Amino acid sequence: MKTKILVVDDEVDLQLLIKQKFRRKIREGAYEFKFAHNGQEALECLSQHPDTDIVLSDIKMPVMDGLTLLAQVRDLNPVIKVVMVSAFTDMVNIRTAMNRGAFDFVCKPVDFQDLELTIEKTAAHVVQLRETLRAIQENNILKMYVDETVLNFMGRPGFENKLMASETVEATVVFIDICGFTALAEKMRAEELVNLLNSYFDQMVKEIITQGGYVDKFMGDAVMAVFRGDFHLDRAIDAALSVRSLLQTTCNVSLNGLEYLPNVAIGISSGEMVSGNIGSASLKRLDYTVIGDAVNLGQRLQAAAQPGQIVITEATYERVKESFQCRLLQEMTLKNKAQPVVTYEVLA
C-alpha cells in the first residue's frame, strides 16, 4: 500500500534531498511525495488530496508556520498524522507541537534513516486508525440490518463457541402482509415501489418496537415480528392493531389511474418455539430467528387472512378474550395441518 506524504518546508534543497534519499521507495511505489513551501500551500494541497497519510512539516515558515498548520490539519482531517521536522528542538516548541496533536518530532539536520523509521511507524498508525474507522462505519451500517436483540445475543460471553446454539422460548410471532402491493409493481418504477414500501415498513416497525417487539425479518412486502417476555401475546396484538389502524388512515396512492389504499392481513400465533442461529457455520451465513410449529402456524394464519383482518386461533382467543374484542370466523384448513383450525378475528 502506497504511503502518501506531504512535505512542508520553505527550504528548496530539502525537496531534492528527499527525492534522492527515498528514490528506491518512490520507484517501488511505496512512497508518494508532494511538496508545499508553507502552511497555507499545505492546506490547499490537503484539500485537493484528502487521502494524504502523513505531513512532514517544518516549524518556521513564511505565510503560515508549522505550529499553526498543525492545528489546522487536526481540524481538517484527524486521520492525517503530522510529524514535525525542525531545527527548533527546544522543549517549548516540542511541547507546543505535541499539545497541538503532532504525532512525532524529528530534529534537523535530518537523519534519513531515523526519518524512514518514523514514516513507517506513522504510516502503520494511520492504516490502523483508518481500519478502525472503517470498522466503526461498517458496524453502524450493520446495525441497520441487524436487530438490537441479535446484537445483544452476539454479545454474550463465549458467543463464538456457541454459533449454532439455540434455546426454547415462549413467544408470539406476528406476520404482517401489505395487501395488494404486488399489483403496484406493474404500475410503478422499481425505485418508487421500494421507497413506498420502505415508508410503510418504517411506520410499521415503530409500532412493533413501541410494544417491545423486534423485527425478525422482512420478506418481500411482509414483516415477521417476534415478541418475548411478560405479556408478549397482549403486546403483539396491540402492535398489530396499531399497525392496521395506522395504515388504514394513511393517504392512498394515486398512480396512472390506480388508487391504492394500504391495508394489511395479519396472522398471530403464540407458543413454544426454538430461537437461535439457523444456517451454515462453514459458509458463515447465519440467520438469528425463531422456528417451530407455532411460527409456521402464524404464517399460515396470515396467508388465510383477508385485507384488514387480524387472525388468531381458538387457543389464542381463549387466552385474550377478556382483553380484546374478537369475532368467530370459521374452521380453516391450513397448509400442512391435518385438522381444520378454528379461527377468530381480533376486532379491537
Protein backbone atom coordinates (compact mmCIF):
# COMPACT_ATOMS: atom_id res chain seq x y z
CA MET A 1 0.00 0.00 0.00
CA LYS A 2 1.37 3.37 -1.03
CA THR A 3 2.04 5.90 1.74
CA LYS A 4 1.16 9.42 0.62
CA ILE A 5 3.32 12.09 2.24
CA LEU A 6 3.17 15.88 2.11
CA VAL A 7 6.45 17.67 2.90
CA VAL A 8 6.01 21.26 4.06
CA ASP A 9 9.24 23.27 4.18
CA ASP A 10 10.47 26.55 2.69
CA GLU A 11 13.94 25.10 2.09
CA VAL A 12 14.07 24.35 -1.64
CA ASP A 13 17.01 21.97 -1.25
CA LEU A 14 15.01 19.67 1.03
CA GLN A 15 12.68 18.63 -1.79
CA LEU A 16 15.59 17.42 -3.95
CA LEU A 17 17.25 15.76 -0.98
CA ILE A 18 14.12 13.79 -0.06
CA LYS A 19 13.65 12.62 -3.65
CA GLN A 20 17.25 11.41 -3.69
CA LYS A 21 17.19 9.68 -0.30
CA PHE A 22 13.88 7.93 -0.91
CA ARG A 23 14.29 7.29 -4.65
CA ARG A 24 14.02 3.49 -4.22
CA LYS A 25 10.79 3.79 -2.18
CA ILE A 26 9.39 6.21 -4.76
CA ARG A 27 10.39 3.93 -7.65
CA GLU A 28 8.82 0.89 -5.96
CA GLY A 29 5.59 2.81 -5.35
CA ALA A 30 5.88 2.58 -1.57
CA TYR A 31 6.05 6.37 -1.06
CA GLU A 32 4.42 9.21 -2.95
CA PHE A 33 5.62 12.70 -2.05
CA LYS A 34 4.02 16.09 -2.59
CA PHE A 35 5.61 19.36 -1.54
CA ALA A 36 4.49 22.74 -0.21
CA HIS A 37 6.56 25.77 0.86
CA ASN A 38 4.36 27.00 3.72
CA GLY A 39 1.33 26.10 5.79
CA GLN A 40 -1.15 27.83 3.50
CA GLU A 41 0.06 25.89 0.45
CA ALA A 42 -0.09 22.73 2.55
CA LEU A 43 -3.76 23.25 3.42
CA GLU A 44 -4.60 23.83 -0.24
CA CYS A 45 -2.76 20.65 -1.17
CA LEU A 46 -4.54 18.64 1.54
CA SER A 47 -7.93 19.87 0.37
CA GLN A 48 -7.08 18.58 -3.12
CA HIS A 49 -5.61 15.32 -1.80
CA PRO A 50 -7.66 14.24 1.26
CA ASP A 51 -6.17 10.74 1.06
CA THR A 52 -2.81 12.05 2.30
CA ASP A 53 -1.45 9.90 5.14
CA ILE A 54 1.42 11.90 6.65
CA VAL A 55 2.53 15.52 6.80
CA LEU A 56 6.22 16.26 7.44
CA SER A 57 6.32 19.90 8.46
CA ASP A 58 8.93 22.45 9.45
CA ILE A 59 8.07 24.94 12.19
CA LYS A 60 9.45 28.26 10.99
CA MET A 61 7.97 29.16 7.57
CA PRO A 62 6.53 32.29 5.91
CA VAL A 63 2.77 32.93 5.44
CA MET A 64 1.77 30.16 7.89
CA ASP A 65 4.15 28.46 10.31
CA GLY A 66 4.15 24.76 11.13
CA LEU A 67 2.54 25.02 14.55
CA THR A 68 -0.42 26.93 13.10
CA LEU A 69 -0.66 24.38 10.29
CA LEU A 70 -0.64 21.58 12.84
CA ALA A 71 -3.83 22.80 14.49
CA GLN A 72 -5.48 23.34 11.08
CA VAL A 73 -4.68 19.80 9.90
CA ARG A 74 -6.18 18.32 13.05
CA ASP A 75 -9.45 20.13 12.34
CA LEU A 76 -9.33 19.38 8.61
CA ASN A 77 -8.72 15.64 8.86
CA PRO A 78 -7.87 13.99 12.19
CA VAL A 79 -6.72 10.82 10.41
CA ILE A 80 -3.72 12.60 8.85
CA LYS A 81 -0.75 12.48 11.19
CA VAL A 82 1.78 15.32 11.35
CA VAL A 83 5.46 14.79 12.11
CA MET A 84 7.37 17.98 12.87
CA VAL A 85 10.80 18.18 11.21
CA SER A 86 12.63 21.18 12.61
CA ALA A 87 15.87 22.60 13.96
CA PHE A 88 13.85 24.32 16.70
CA THR A 89 14.21 21.49 19.18
CA ASP A 90 13.75 23.39 22.41
CA MET A 91 11.26 21.93 24.84
CA VAL A 92 8.78 24.79 24.36
CA ASN A 93 8.37 24.05 20.64
CA ILE A 94 8.30 20.31 21.20
CA ARG A 95 5.62 20.58 23.91
CA THR A 96 3.58 23.04 21.83
CA ALA A 97 3.71 20.69 18.85
CA MET A 98 2.68 17.68 20.91
CA ASN A 99 -0.14 19.57 22.59
CA ARG A 100 -1.47 20.56 19.17
CA GLY A 101 -1.55 16.95 18.02
CA ALA A 102 1.86 16.23 16.48
CA PHE A 103 2.45 12.51 16.15
CA ASP A 104 6.25 12.74 16.40
CA PHE A 105 9.20 15.14 16.21
CA VAL A 106 12.33 14.77 14.04
CA CYS A 107 15.33 17.05 14.52
CA LYS A 108 17.30 18.83 11.81
CA PRO A 109 19.76 18.14 10.34
CA VAL A 110 17.71 15.13 9.32
CA ASP A 111 18.92 11.62 9.94
CA PHE A 112 17.16 9.99 6.98
CA GLN A 113 17.39 6.50 8.43
CA ASP A 114 15.57 7.75 11.52
CA LEU A 115 13.11 9.65 9.33
CA GLU A 116 12.30 6.49 7.36
CA LEU A 117 11.64 4.57 10.57
CA THR A 118 9.42 7.42 11.76
CA ILE A 119 7.49 7.42 8.47
CA GLU A 120 6.96 3.65 8.67
CA LYS A 121 5.75 3.88 12.27
CA THR A 122 3.42 6.77 11.47
CA ALA A 123 2.06 5.09 8.33
CA ALA A 124 1.29 1.92 10.30
CA HIS A 125 -0.63 4.02 12.84
CA VAL A 126 -2.62 5.74 10.08
CA VAL A 127 -3.52 2.38 8.50
CA GLN A 128 -4.68 1.05 11.86
CA LEU A 129 -6.70 4.20 12.50
CA ARG A 130 -8.39 4.04 9.09
CA GLU A 131 -9.22 0.34 9.60
CA THR A 132 -10.76 1.17 12.97
CA LEU A 133 -12.87 3.97 11.49
CA ARG A 134 -13.94 1.68 8.65
CA ALA A 135 -14.92 -0.99 11.16
CA ILE A 136 -17.00 1.55 13.09
CA GLN A 137 -18.69 2.66 9.88
CA GLU A 138 -19.39 -0.94 8.87
CA ASN A 139 -20.73 -1.66 12.35
CA ASN A 140 -23.09 1.31 12.11
CA ILE A 141 -24.27 0.05 8.72
CA LEU A 142 -24.66 -3.46 10.15
CA LYS A 143 -26.94 -2.10 12.85
CA MET A 144 -29.34 -1.05 10.08
CA TYR A 145 -29.65 -4.68 9.01
CA VAL A 146 -29.47 -6.46 12.36
CA ASP A 147 -31.92 -6.00 15.20
CA GLU A 148 -30.63 -4.98 18.63
CA THR A 149 -31.83 -8.31 20.03
CA VAL A 150 -29.45 -10.11 17.68
CA LEU A 151 -26.57 -7.83 18.66
CA ASN A 152 -27.26 -8.50 22.34
CA PHE A 153 -27.30 -12.22 21.62
CA MET A 154 -23.96 -11.94 19.79
CA GLY A 155 -22.52 -10.05 22.75
CA ARG A 156 -22.98 -12.90 25.18
CA PRO A 157 -19.78 -14.40 26.63
CA GLY A 158 -18.47 -17.28 24.53
CA PHE A 159 -20.74 -16.47 21.58
CA GLU A 160 -18.08 -17.56 19.07
CA ASN A 161 -18.02 -21.03 20.59
CA LYS A 162 -21.80 -21.34 20.51
CA LEU A 163 -22.66 -20.15 16.99
CA MET A 164 -25.20 -22.90 16.44
CA ALA A 165 -26.62 -22.74 19.97
CA SER A 166 -30.38 -22.38 20.35
CA GLU A 167 -32.94 -22.10 23.13
CA THR A 168 -36.59 -22.98 23.54
CA VAL A 169 -38.68 -19.93 24.35
CA GLU A 170 -42.31 -18.98 24.89
CA ALA A 171 -43.08 -16.16 22.45
CA THR A 172 -45.53 -14.71 19.95
CA VAL A 173 -44.93 -14.23 16.24
CA VAL A 174 -46.77 -11.74 14.09
CA PHE A 175 -46.81 -11.94 10.29
CA ILE A 176 -47.95 -8.73 8.60
CA ASP A 177 -48.52 -8.64 4.84
CA ILE A 178 -49.22 -5.42 2.94
CA CYS A 179 -52.17 -6.40 0.76
CA GLY A 180 -52.26 -5.74 -2.97
CA PHE A 181 -48.75 -4.39 -3.07
CA THR A 182 -47.64 -6.82 -5.75
CA ALA A 183 -50.10 -5.25 -8.18
CA LEU A 184 -48.37 -1.90 -7.78
CA ALA A 185 -45.21 -3.36 -9.31
CA GLU A 186 -46.92 -3.24 -12.72
CA LYS A 187 -47.72 0.46 -12.33
CA MET A 188 -44.64 1.87 -10.58
CA ARG A 189 -40.95 2.06 -11.28
CA ALA A 190 -38.84 -0.18 -9.06
CA GLU A 191 -37.28 2.77 -7.25
CA GLU A 192 -40.68 4.31 -6.49
CA LEU A 193 -42.01 0.95 -5.34
CA VAL A 194 -39.11 0.38 -2.93
CA ASN A 195 -39.38 3.91 -1.50
CA LEU A 196 -43.12 3.47 -0.90
CA LEU A 197 -42.65 0.03 0.66
CA ASN A 198 -39.90 1.32 2.95
CA SER A 199 -42.10 4.19 4.09
CA TYR A 200 -44.81 1.70 5.10
CA PHE A 201 -42.25 -0.56 6.80
CA ASP A 202 -40.87 2.38 8.75
CA GLN A 203 -44.30 3.16 10.19
CA MET A 204 -44.98 -0.49 10.99
CA VAL A 205 -41.65 -1.07 12.69
CA LYS A 206 -42.16 1.90 15.01
CA GLU A 207 -45.39 0.35 16.29
CA ILE A 208 -43.70 -3.03 16.76
CA ILE A 209 -40.82 -1.51 18.71
CA THR A 210 -43.21 0.58 20.81
CA GLN A 211 -44.76 -2.66 22.06
CA GLY A 212 -41.39 -4.24 22.83
CA GLY A 213 -41.20 -6.49 19.80
CA TYR A 214 -38.43 -6.84 17.26
CA VAL A 215 -38.39 -7.42 13.53
CA ASP A 216 -37.16 -10.91 12.76
CA LYS A 217 -37.07 -10.33 9.01
CA PHE A 218 -38.58 -8.51 6.04
CA MET A 219 -39.98 -10.86 3.41
CA GLY A 220 -40.86 -9.01 0.22
CA ASP A 221 -43.85 -6.89 1.22
CA ALA A 222 -44.33 -8.67 4.56
CA VAL A 223 -42.84 -8.38 8.04
CA MET A 224 -42.22 -11.09 10.62
CA ALA A 225 -42.04 -9.76 14.18
CA VAL A 226 -41.36 -11.57 17.44
CA PHE A 227 -42.50 -10.66 20.95
CA ARG A 228 -40.96 -12.19 24.08
CA GLY A 229 -41.16 -11.57 27.80
CA ASP A 230 -44.08 -10.61 30.02
CA PHE A 231 -47.47 -10.25 28.28
CA HIS A 232 -45.85 -10.97 24.89
CA LEU A 233 -49.18 -12.06 23.37
CA ASP A 234 -51.06 -8.96 24.50
CA ARG A 235 -48.27 -6.69 23.30
CA ALA A 236 -48.19 -8.45 19.93
CA ILE A 237 -51.93 -7.93 19.42
CA ASP A 238 -51.65 -4.29 20.48
CA ALA A 239 -48.90 -3.81 17.90
CA ALA A 240 -50.99 -5.49 15.20
CA LEU A 241 -54.00 -3.29 15.97
CA SER A 242 -51.80 -0.17 15.85
CA VAL A 243 -50.25 -1.18 12.53
CA ARG A 244 -53.64 -1.88 10.99
CA SER A 245 -55.09 1.40 12.21
CA LEU A 246 -52.04 3.35 11.07
CA LEU A 247 -52.02 2.00 7.53
CA GLN A 248 -55.78 2.28 7.14
CA THR A 249 -55.54 6.01 7.90
CA THR A 250 -52.57 6.51 5.57
CA CYS A 251 -53.27 8.56 2.46
CA ASN A 252 -53.99 6.47 -0.60
CA VAL A 253 -51.62 6.38 -3.56
CA SER A 254 -52.82 7.53 -6.96
CA LEU A 255 -50.69 6.45 -9.90
CA ASN A 256 -51.63 6.05 -13.56
CA GLY A 257 -55.29 5.81 -12.66
CA LEU A 258 -54.66 3.27 -9.90
CA GLU A 259 -55.99 4.17 -6.47
CA TYR A 260 -54.20 2.22 -3.75
CA LEU A 261 -55.12 2.39 -0.08
CA PRO A 262 -52.64 0.38 2.00
CA ASN A 263 -54.09 -2.39 4.13
CA VAL A 264 -52.67 -5.37 5.96
CA ALA A 265 -53.50 -9.04 6.52
CA ILE A 266 -52.12 -10.25 9.84
CA GLY A 267 -51.62 -13.66 11.41
CA ILE A 268 -50.68 -14.07 15.08
CA SER A 269 -49.52 -17.26 16.76
CA SER A 270 -48.21 -17.81 20.27
CA GLY A 271 -46.49 -20.73 21.92
CA GLU A 272 -43.24 -22.60 22.29
CA MET A 273 -40.61 -22.08 19.62
CA VAL A 274 -36.88 -22.51 19.13
CA SER A 275 -34.77 -19.34 19.00
CA GLY A 276 -31.20 -19.23 17.74
CA ASN A 277 -28.86 -19.14 14.78
CA ILE A 278 -30.10 -21.04 11.75
CA GLY A 279 -27.82 -21.55 8.77
CA SER A 280 -24.35 -22.75 7.89
CA ALA A 281 -21.36 -22.05 10.13
CA SER A 282 -18.98 -23.28 7.42
CA LEU A 283 -20.46 -20.83 4.91
CA LYS A 284 -20.57 -18.15 7.63
CA ARG A 285 -24.16 -17.31 6.73
CA LEU A 286 -26.47 -17.41 9.73
CA ASP A 287 -29.92 -16.05 10.46
CA TYR A 288 -30.95 -15.38 14.06
CA THR A 289 -34.60 -16.34 14.04
CA VAL A 290 -37.33 -18.47 15.59
CA ILE A 291 -38.67 -21.73 14.17
CA GLY A 292 -41.31 -24.24 15.19
CA ASP A 293 -44.92 -25.24 14.68
CA ALA A 294 -46.20 -22.02 16.29
CA VAL A 295 -44.17 -19.96 13.81
CA ASN A 296 -45.46 -21.94 10.83
CA LEU A 297 -49.00 -21.56 12.11
CA GLY A 298 -48.63 -17.78 12.31
CA GLN A 299 -47.57 -17.62 8.67
CA ARG A 300 -50.49 -19.85 7.62
CA LEU A 301 -52.96 -17.64 9.51
CA GLN A 302 -51.59 -14.56 7.76
CA ALA A 303 -51.97 -16.25 4.36
CA ALA A 304 -55.62 -17.04 5.18
CA ALA A 305 -56.42 -13.55 6.49
CA GLN A 306 -58.36 -11.10 4.34
CA PRO A 307 -57.28 -7.45 3.95
CA GLY A 308 -57.82 -5.70 7.26
CA GLN A 309 -58.09 -8.92 9.28
CA ILE A 310 -56.03 -9.97 12.29
CA VAL A 311 -56.47 -13.73 12.56
CA ILE A 312 -55.74 -15.90 15.60
CA THR A 313 -56.55 -19.49 16.61
CA GLU A 314 -59.19 -20.57 19.09
CA ALA A 315 -56.47 -21.42 21.62
CA THR A 316 -55.10 -17.89 21.37
CA TYR A 317 -58.61 -16.45 21.61
CA GLU A 318 -59.19 -18.25 24.92
CA ARG A 319 -56.12 -16.51 26.33
CA VAL A 320 -57.07 -12.99 25.24
CA LYS A 321 -60.88 -12.94 25.08
CA GLU A 322 -61.14 -10.87 28.24
CA SER A 323 -58.73 -8.24 26.91
CA PHE A 324 -59.69 -7.94 23.24
CA GLN A 325 -62.89 -7.92 21.27
CA CYS A 326 -62.88 -10.82 18.83
CA ARG A 327 -65.26 -12.45 16.34
CA LEU A 328 -65.53 -16.10 15.43
CA LEU A 329 -64.63 -16.71 11.81
CA GLN A 330 -64.73 -20.33 10.75
CA GLU A 331 -62.79 -23.51 10.65
CA MET A 332 -59.95 -23.18 8.18
CA THR A 333 -57.92 -25.89 6.53
CA LEU A 334 -54.38 -24.62 6.69
CA LYS A 335 -51.47 -25.93 4.70
CA ASN A 336 -49.66 -28.85 6.35
CA LYS A 337 -52.26 -29.01 9.11
CA ALA A 338 -54.03 -32.37 9.41
CA GLN A 339 -57.08 -30.96 11.20
CA PRO A 340 -59.09 -27.81 10.46
CA VAL A 341 -58.27 -24.89 12.73
CA VAL A 342 -60.98 -22.76 14.37
CA THR A 343 -60.08 -19.12 13.84
CA TYR A 344 -61.09 -15.76 15.28
CA GLU A 345 -60.66 -12.20 14.08
CA VAL A 346 -59.37 -9.56 16.51
CA LEU A 347 -61.58 -6.51 16.13
CA ALA A 348 -60.40 -4.12 18.82
